[in-house]
Amino acid sequence: MPSSSARPERIHWFARLEHRFHAWRERRARKRGRTASIVPFPGYGGAGWVRVVGRVLILPKTRRGGKDASVRGWRSFVGIPVSFATVTITVAGRAHEVAADRGGVVDCRIEADLAPGWQQVTMSVEGQDPTPARVFVVADDVRFGVISDVDDTVMVTALPRPLIAAWNSFVVDEHARTPVPGMAVLLERLMRDNPGSPMIYLSTGAWNVAPTLNRFLSRHLFPAGSMLLTDWGPTHERWFRSGREHKLRNLSRLAEEFPHMQWLLIGDDGQHDEAIYGQFLIDHPENVAAVAIRRLLPAEGVLAGRRASARADGDGADAEARDEDLAPWVSAEDGAGILDELIDAGVVRSEP
């Protein structure tokens, strides 16, 4: 039998409405002969286990000429999630059956012994051909890793003002999105100086945009990394998922999975990264190598609605963490400036 988490007995009415809507869309699509597919996302793992992530969707037909890689953001959201689908994951030659959640998301830990580095597993649904998925396996002796936010940290988006967020997510062509200057060089330098270290992109962005994000990172020469995004929409107890809870939950999970790892946490001051990282630093000081915050430019800060609202919502965790001097805390307006600050703080070695 496929494994899955227990379904909640009481579900928020808006979540039930969303589920009925997707079920209706799924029935219509299947009457037209369309079938489900698995969309894998880069995962990670350690000695004896891997975390495999993907989503079961009924996808639109491929556009003529193979132009799917150049689309406006809204096309990433038209796939139909398939609730509670049974997915077969094959790791090291052994098949495991797991169940997707209500939003079609598969996020499971599987016991397996794989060599360190990027490895391939496969995922399949409804008898379809297996789809390859990548996982980065961290060796036991690795003690340093990088966790980076995405919006306004590696990609200029000026979130979270609702109209701007909608414009960037649903309208702007992915080729029109621009990287934050110097961030690709910074992250590549960190990976080069620390071979075998995990690179994790932790964002409140929706899983729908993961393929677009992956292409963006590759196009602009960012290092490959695991992705931890979220499923937009209602939960069983609230209207919308909390981005702050999503980040704190995954940070705490990483601290538990890699108790001897120290993470360089990279974010920006336009949302709540400072408060989130500050809280994690207070709770897990032994797991933080440093915190690096990208300061938004004045125009970006206005669009993102920073700073007073971010400070008011931040509960002072970032200020408390800095006051206690638990780990180096640096900030600059771009990747080059952050790199210089990290060198001055002794986190990154200066090149001769």
Protein backbone atom coordinates (compact mmCIF):
# COMPACT_ATOMS: atom_id res chain seq x y z
CA MET A 1 0.00 0.00 0.00
CA PRO A 2 1.24 3.52 -0.72
CA SER A 3 2.38 5.51 2.27
CA SER A 4 0.85 8.88 3.05
CA SER A 5 0.16 11.22 5.91
CA ALA A 6 -3.20 10.90 7.67
CA ARG A 7 -5.79 13.14 6.06
CA PRO A 8 -7.18 15.79 8.41
CA GLU A 9 -10.72 15.18 9.62
CA ARG A 10 -11.73 18.84 9.59
CA ILE A 11 -10.80 20.85 6.52
CA HIS A 12 -11.20 24.59 5.96
CA TRP A 13 -14.22 25.23 3.73
CA PHE A 14 -12.10 27.12 1.20
CA ALA A 15 -9.74 24.14 0.94
CA ARG A 16 -12.74 21.88 0.32
CA LEU A 17 -13.96 24.27 -2.38
CA GLU A 18 -10.53 24.32 -4.03
CA HIS A 19 -10.40 20.51 -3.93
CA ARG A 20 -13.84 20.21 -5.56
CA PHE A 21 -12.83 22.67 -8.27
CA HIS A 22 -9.66 20.73 -9.11
CA ALA A 23 -11.60 17.45 -9.04
CA TRP A 24 -14.07 18.90 -11.55
CA ARG A 25 -11.21 20.05 -13.80
CA GLU A 26 -9.60 16.62 -13.53
CA ARG A 27 -12.83 14.84 -14.55
CA ARG A 28 -13.20 17.09 -17.59
CA ALA A 29 -9.57 16.53 -18.61
CA ARG A 30 -9.82 12.75 -18.27
CA LYS A 31 -13.00 12.68 -20.38
CA ARG A 32 -10.87 14.26 -23.10
CA GLY A 33 -8.34 11.46 -22.80
CA ARG A 34 -5.65 13.36 -20.91
CA THR A 35 -3.55 11.52 -18.33
CA ALA A 36 -1.48 12.47 -15.31
CA SER A 37 2.26 13.13 -15.38
CA ILE A 38 4.84 13.48 -12.64
CA VAL A 39 6.88 16.68 -12.53
CA PRO A 40 10.04 16.05 -10.46
CA PHE A 41 11.88 18.70 -8.47
CA PRO A 42 15.53 18.55 -7.33
CA GLY A 43 15.74 16.89 -3.91
CA TYR A 44 18.51 16.08 -1.46
CA GLY A 45 19.65 13.38 0.91
CA GLY A 46 22.26 12.09 3.30
CA ALA A 47 23.86 8.83 4.31
CA GLY A 48 21.16 6.17 4.05
CA TRP A 49 18.25 8.33 2.86
CA VAL A 50 16.94 10.74 0.24
CA ARG A 51 14.15 13.31 0.18
CA VAL A 52 12.31 12.98 -3.13
CA VAL A 53 9.98 15.77 -4.25
CA GLY A 54 7.62 16.09 -7.19
CA ARG A 55 4.05 16.87 -8.21
CA VAL A 56 1.36 14.92 -10.05
CA LEU A 57 -0.35 17.08 -12.66
CA ILE A 58 -2.45 16.81 -15.77
CA LEU A 59 -0.49 19.15 -18.01
CA PRO A 60 -1.52 21.16 -21.08
CA LYS A 61 -0.54 19.69 -24.41
CA THR A 62 2.98 20.58 -25.54
CA ARG A 63 3.06 23.67 -27.67
CA ARG A 64 4.05 23.23 -31.28
CA GLY A 65 7.73 23.84 -31.93
CA GLY A 66 8.83 22.95 -28.41
CA LYS A 67 8.44 26.49 -27.13
CA ASP A 68 7.32 25.56 -23.65
CA ALA A 69 10.62 26.80 -22.25
CA SER A 70 9.69 30.36 -23.28
CA VAL A 71 6.32 31.10 -21.77
CA ARG A 72 4.58 33.70 -19.71
CA GLY A 73 4.22 32.94 -16.04
CA TRP A 74 0.51 32.14 -16.07
CA ARG A 75 1.10 29.00 -18.16
CA SER A 76 2.94 27.49 -15.19
CA PHE A 77 -0.32 27.53 -13.21
CA VAL A 78 -2.71 25.85 -15.66
CA GLY A 79 -1.72 22.25 -14.83
CA ILE A 80 -4.38 20.32 -12.92
CA PRO A 81 -3.14 18.81 -9.62
CA VAL A 82 -4.15 15.17 -9.07
CA SER A 83 -5.03 14.57 -5.42
CA PHE A 84 -3.80 11.50 -3.55
CA ALA A 85 -2.34 9.85 -6.67
CA THR A 86 -0.17 6.76 -6.18
CA VAL A 87 3.40 7.40 -7.31
CA THR A 88 6.12 4.80 -7.79
CA ILE A 89 9.59 6.03 -6.85
CA THR A 90 12.55 3.84 -7.75
CA VAL A 91 15.76 4.42 -5.81
CA ALA A 92 18.84 2.22 -6.22
CA GLY A 93 16.79 -0.36 -8.09
CA ARG A 94 14.09 -0.66 -5.43
CA ALA A 95 10.51 0.57 -6.05
CA HIS A 96 8.52 2.42 -3.38
CA GLU A 97 4.85 3.40 -3.61
CA VAL A 98 3.86 6.70 -2.02
CA ALA A 99 0.75 8.89 -2.14
CA ALA A 100 0.60 12.51 -3.22
CA ASP A 101 -1.19 14.99 -0.97
CA ARG A 102 -4.37 16.91 -1.76
CA GLY A 103 -2.42 19.32 -3.99
CA GLY A 104 -0.70 16.51 -5.90
CA VAL A 105 2.62 17.14 -4.15
CA VAL A 106 4.92 14.22 -3.33
CA ASP A 107 7.45 14.96 -0.58
CA CYS A 108 8.82 11.84 1.04
CA ARG A 109 11.92 10.45 2.71
CA ILE A 110 13.10 7.09 1.38
CA GLU A 111 15.76 4.93 2.96
CA ALA A 112 18.52 4.19 0.43
CA ASP A 113 22.31 4.17 0.24
CA LEU A 114 23.55 6.39 -2.58
CA ALA A 115 26.98 7.82 -3.27
CA PRO A 116 27.57 11.50 -2.44
CA GLY A 117 26.82 14.09 -5.12
CA TRP A 118 24.05 14.36 -7.68
CA GLN A 119 22.26 11.05 -8.19
CA GLN A 120 19.25 10.00 -10.25
CA VAL A 121 16.05 8.33 -9.09
CA THR A 122 12.86 7.83 -11.11
CA MET A 123 9.21 8.64 -10.52
CA SER A 124 6.15 7.33 -12.38
CA VAL A 125 2.38 7.57 -12.10
CA GLU A 126 -0.52 5.69 -13.69
CA GLY A 127 1.77 3.32 -15.55
CA GLN A 128 3.59 6.10 -17.41
CA ASP A 129 7.24 5.71 -18.34
CA PRO A 130 9.54 6.57 -15.40
CA THR A 131 10.62 10.19 -15.21
CA PRO A 132 14.17 10.88 -13.96
CA ALA A 133 14.54 13.01 -10.85
CA ARG A 134 17.74 14.35 -9.30
CA VAL A 135 18.77 14.32 -5.65
CA PHE A 136 21.93 15.74 -4.11
CA VAL A 137 23.38 13.37 -1.53
CA VAL A 138 25.49 15.03 1.17
CA ALA A 139 28.52 13.11 2.43
CA ASP A 140 28.89 12.48 6.17
CA ASP A 141 31.99 14.65 6.46
CA VAL A 142 30.48 17.79 4.86
CA ARG A 143 30.03 20.55 7.42
CA PHE A 144 29.00 23.58 5.31
CA GLY A 145 25.97 24.30 3.15
CA VAL A 146 24.14 27.24 1.57
CA ILE A 147 20.45 28.06 1.85
CA SER A 148 19.23 30.92 -0.33
CA ASP A 149 15.93 32.68 -0.80
CA VAL A 150 14.89 33.34 -4.42
CA ASP A 151 12.64 36.39 -4.83
CA ASP A 152 14.72 39.58 -4.65
CA THR A 153 17.70 37.54 -3.47
CA VAL A 154 18.76 35.80 -6.69
CA MET A 155 15.95 37.06 -8.97
CA VAL A 156 14.63 40.64 -9.10
CA THR A 157 10.88 40.43 -8.48
CA ALA A 158 9.97 43.24 -6.06
CA LEU A 159 7.53 41.07 -4.09
CA PRO A 160 5.24 40.87 -2.10
CA ARG A 161 2.90 43.73 -3.09
CA PRO A 162 -0.07 41.76 -4.53
CA LEU A 163 -0.35 43.48 -7.92
CA ILE A 164 3.40 43.33 -8.48
CA ALA A 165 3.50 39.70 -7.36
CA ALA A 166 0.70 38.80 -9.76
CA TRP A 167 2.40 40.65 -12.61
CA ASN A 168 5.72 38.88 -12.07
CA SER A 169 4.19 35.43 -11.52
CA PHE A 170 1.50 35.39 -14.18
CA VAL A 171 2.37 37.92 -16.89
CA VAL A 172 6.09 38.51 -17.29
CA ASP A 173 7.88 36.26 -19.78
CA GLU A 174 10.51 34.21 -17.98
CA HIS A 175 13.24 35.59 -20.25
CA ALA A 176 12.38 39.10 -19.04
CA ARG A 177 13.23 38.22 -15.44
CA THR A 178 16.61 39.53 -14.33
CA PRO A 179 19.12 38.13 -11.83
CA VAL A 180 20.37 40.12 -8.87
CA PRO A 181 23.84 41.36 -9.91
CA GLY A 182 26.71 39.29 -8.59
CA MET A 183 24.62 36.61 -6.88
CA ALA A 184 25.43 33.86 -9.38
CA VAL A 185 29.15 34.58 -8.96
CA LEU A 186 28.78 34.58 -5.16
CA LEU A 187 26.96 31.24 -5.02
CA GLU A 188 29.28 29.64 -7.55
CA ARG A 189 32.27 30.82 -5.50
CA LEU A 190 30.78 29.28 -2.35
CA MET A 191 30.23 25.95 -4.10
CA ARG A 192 33.71 25.99 -5.61
CA ASP A 193 35.38 26.75 -2.28
CA ASN A 194 33.35 24.05 -0.51
CA PRO A 195 33.14 21.01 -2.80
CA GLY A 196 30.40 18.57 -1.91
CA SER A 197 28.35 21.19 -0.06
CA PRO A 198 24.58 21.31 -0.63
CA MET A 199 22.97 24.29 -2.34
CA ILE A 200 19.31 24.70 -1.38
CA TYR A 201 16.90 27.26 -2.79
CA LEU A 202 14.24 27.85 -0.11
CA SER A 203 11.39 30.05 -1.31
CA THR A 204 7.76 30.87 -0.60
CA GLY A 205 7.17 30.63 -4.35
CA ALA A 206 4.72 28.08 -5.69
CA TRP A 207 5.78 24.63 -6.93
CA ASN A 208 4.13 25.60 -10.22
CA VAL A 209 7.06 27.86 -11.08
CA ALA A 210 9.79 25.33 -10.23
CA PRO A 211 10.50 24.36 -13.89
CA THR A 212 10.65 28.05 -14.83
CA LEU A 213 12.92 28.78 -11.86
CA ASN A 214 15.19 25.88 -12.75
CA ARG A 215 15.60 27.21 -16.30
CA PHE A 216 16.24 30.73 -14.98
CA LEU A 217 18.97 29.53 -12.63
CA SER A 218 20.62 27.49 -15.36
CA ARG A 219 20.40 30.30 -17.93
CA HIS A 220 22.09 32.76 -15.58
CA LEU A 221 24.77 30.30 -14.42
CA PHE A 222 23.61 29.83 -10.84
CA PRO A 223 24.81 26.57 -9.26
CA ALA A 224 22.41 23.65 -9.41
CA GLY A 225 20.60 23.07 -6.15
CA SER A 226 17.72 21.40 -4.40
CA MET A 227 14.41 23.30 -4.33
CA LEU A 228 12.03 23.71 -1.42
CA LEU A 229 9.01 25.70 -2.61
CA THR A 230 5.41 25.57 -1.41
CA ASP A 231 1.88 24.87 -2.60
CA TRP A 232 -0.07 28.11 -2.84
CA GLY A 233 -3.65 28.03 -1.62
CA PRO A 234 -5.61 27.06 1.48
CA THR A 235 -4.66 24.50 4.10
CA HIS A 236 -7.03 22.43 6.21
CA GLU A 237 -7.12 25.19 8.82
CA ARG A 238 -6.45 28.55 7.14
CA TRP A 239 -7.09 30.52 3.94
CA PHE A 240 -3.51 30.52 2.69
CA ARG A 241 -0.29 28.82 3.64
CA SER A 242 2.13 30.82 5.75
CA GLY A 243 5.38 31.52 3.94
CA ARG A 244 7.11 32.20 7.24
CA GLU A 245 6.01 28.84 8.67
CA HIS A 246 7.09 27.11 5.46
CA LYS A 247 10.61 28.50 5.76
CA LEU A 248 10.99 27.92 9.49
CA ARG A 249 9.66 24.37 9.19
CA ASN A 250 12.13 23.48 6.45
CA LEU A 251 15.04 25.17 8.23
CA SER A 252 14.27 23.20 11.38
CA ARG A 253 14.00 20.00 9.37
CA LEU A 254 17.40 20.62 7.77
CA ALA A 255 18.92 21.23 11.21
CA GLU A 256 17.50 17.91 12.38
CA GLU A 257 18.58 16.00 9.28
CA PHE A 258 22.10 17.48 9.28
CA PRO A 259 22.89 18.19 12.95
CA HIS A 260 26.60 18.78 12.30
CA MET A 261 26.05 21.14 9.34
CA GLN A 262 26.54 24.88 9.48
CA TRP A 263 24.48 26.82 6.95
CA LEU A 264 25.13 30.16 5.30
CA LEU A 265 21.66 31.73 5.16
CA ILE A 266 21.14 34.20 2.30
CA GLY A 267 18.04 36.38 1.94
CA ASP A 268 16.88 39.96 1.48
CA ASP A 269 15.33 42.74 3.55
CA GLY A 270 12.20 43.12 1.42
CA GLN A 271 10.13 40.38 3.02
CA HIS A 272 10.73 38.62 6.34
CA ASP A 273 14.01 36.80 5.80
CA GLU A 274 15.77 38.75 8.54
CA ALA A 275 13.20 37.76 11.17
CA ILE A 276 13.05 34.16 9.93
CA TYR A 277 16.81 33.71 9.87
CA GLY A 278 17.14 35.53 13.18
CA GLN A 279 14.68 33.13 14.81
CA PHE A 280 16.46 30.12 13.35
CA LEU A 281 19.80 31.50 14.56
CA ILE A 282 18.42 31.88 18.09
CA ASP A 283 16.94 28.37 18.05
CA HIS A 284 19.89 26.64 16.33
CA PRO A 285 23.05 28.77 16.74
CA GLU A 286 25.24 25.70 16.22
CA ASN A 287 23.79 25.24 12.72
CA VAL A 288 24.45 28.73 11.34
CA ALA A 289 27.77 29.72 9.76
CA ALA A 290 26.57 33.25 8.91
CA VAL A 291 23.58 35.28 7.73
CA ALA A 292 23.88 37.38 4.56
CA ILE A 293 21.12 39.85 3.70
CA ARG A 294 20.78 41.57 0.36
CA ARG A 295 19.62 45.16 0.85
CA LEU A 296 17.01 46.11 -1.72
CA LEU A 297 17.63 49.22 -3.78
CA PRO A 298 15.32 52.16 -2.92
CA ALA A 299 12.97 51.58 -5.87
CA GLU A 300 12.78 47.85 -5.12
CA GLY A 301 12.14 48.55 -1.46
CA VAL A 302 9.16 50.78 -2.28
CA LEU A 303 7.64 48.11 -4.54
CA ALA A 304 8.25 45.39 -1.99
CA GLY A 305 6.62 47.38 0.79
CA ARG A 306 9.63 47.25 3.07
CA ARG A 307 10.79 48.31 5.82
CA ALA A 308 8.37 49.42 8.44
CA SER A 309 5.94 46.61 7.75
CA ALA A 310 8.72 44.05 7.71
CA ARG A 311 10.08 45.34 11.01
CA ALA A 312 6.64 45.42 12.59
CA ASP A 313 6.03 41.82 11.56
CA GLY A 314 9.48 40.65 12.45
CA ASP A 315 9.04 40.44 16.25
CA GLY A 316 12.64 41.57 16.78
CA ALA A 317 14.21 38.13 16.29
CA ASP A 318 16.77 39.49 13.81
CA ALA A 319 17.82 42.32 16.13
CA GLU A 320 18.08 39.94 19.09
CA ALA A 321 20.20 37.51 17.06
CA ARG A 322 22.56 40.30 15.97
CA ASP A 323 22.80 41.70 19.50
CA GLU A 324 23.79 38.31 20.87
CA ASP A 325 26.51 38.00 18.21
CA LEU A 326 25.68 34.33 17.60
CA ALA A 327 27.10 34.31 14.06
CA PRO A 328 28.43 36.81 11.51
CA TRP A 329 25.61 38.93 10.05
CA VAL A 330 26.44 40.86 6.88
CA SER A 331 24.52 42.87 4.30
CA ALA A 332 25.09 44.58 0.96
CA GLU A 333 23.13 45.58 -2.15
CA ASP A 334 24.46 42.89 -4.48
CA GLY A 335 26.39 39.65 -4.64
CA ALA A 336 29.78 41.31 -4.99
CA GLY A 337 29.20 43.39 -1.88
CA ILE A 338 28.01 40.38 0.11
CA LEU A 339 31.08 38.41 -0.98
CA ASP A 340 33.36 41.21 0.24
CA GLU A 341 31.52 41.31 3.58
CA LEU A 342 31.78 37.52 3.98
CA ILE A 343 35.51 37.68 3.28
CA ASP A 344 35.92 40.45 5.88
CA ALA A 345 33.95 38.33 8.37
CA GLY A 346 36.20 35.32 7.75
CA VAL A 347 33.38 33.17 6.36
CA VAL A 348 34.91 33.05 2.86
CA ARG A 349 38.62 32.76 2.24
CA SER A 350 40.23 35.59 0.31
CA GLU A 351 41.75 34.51 -2.99
CA PRO A 352 45.46 35.26 -3.37
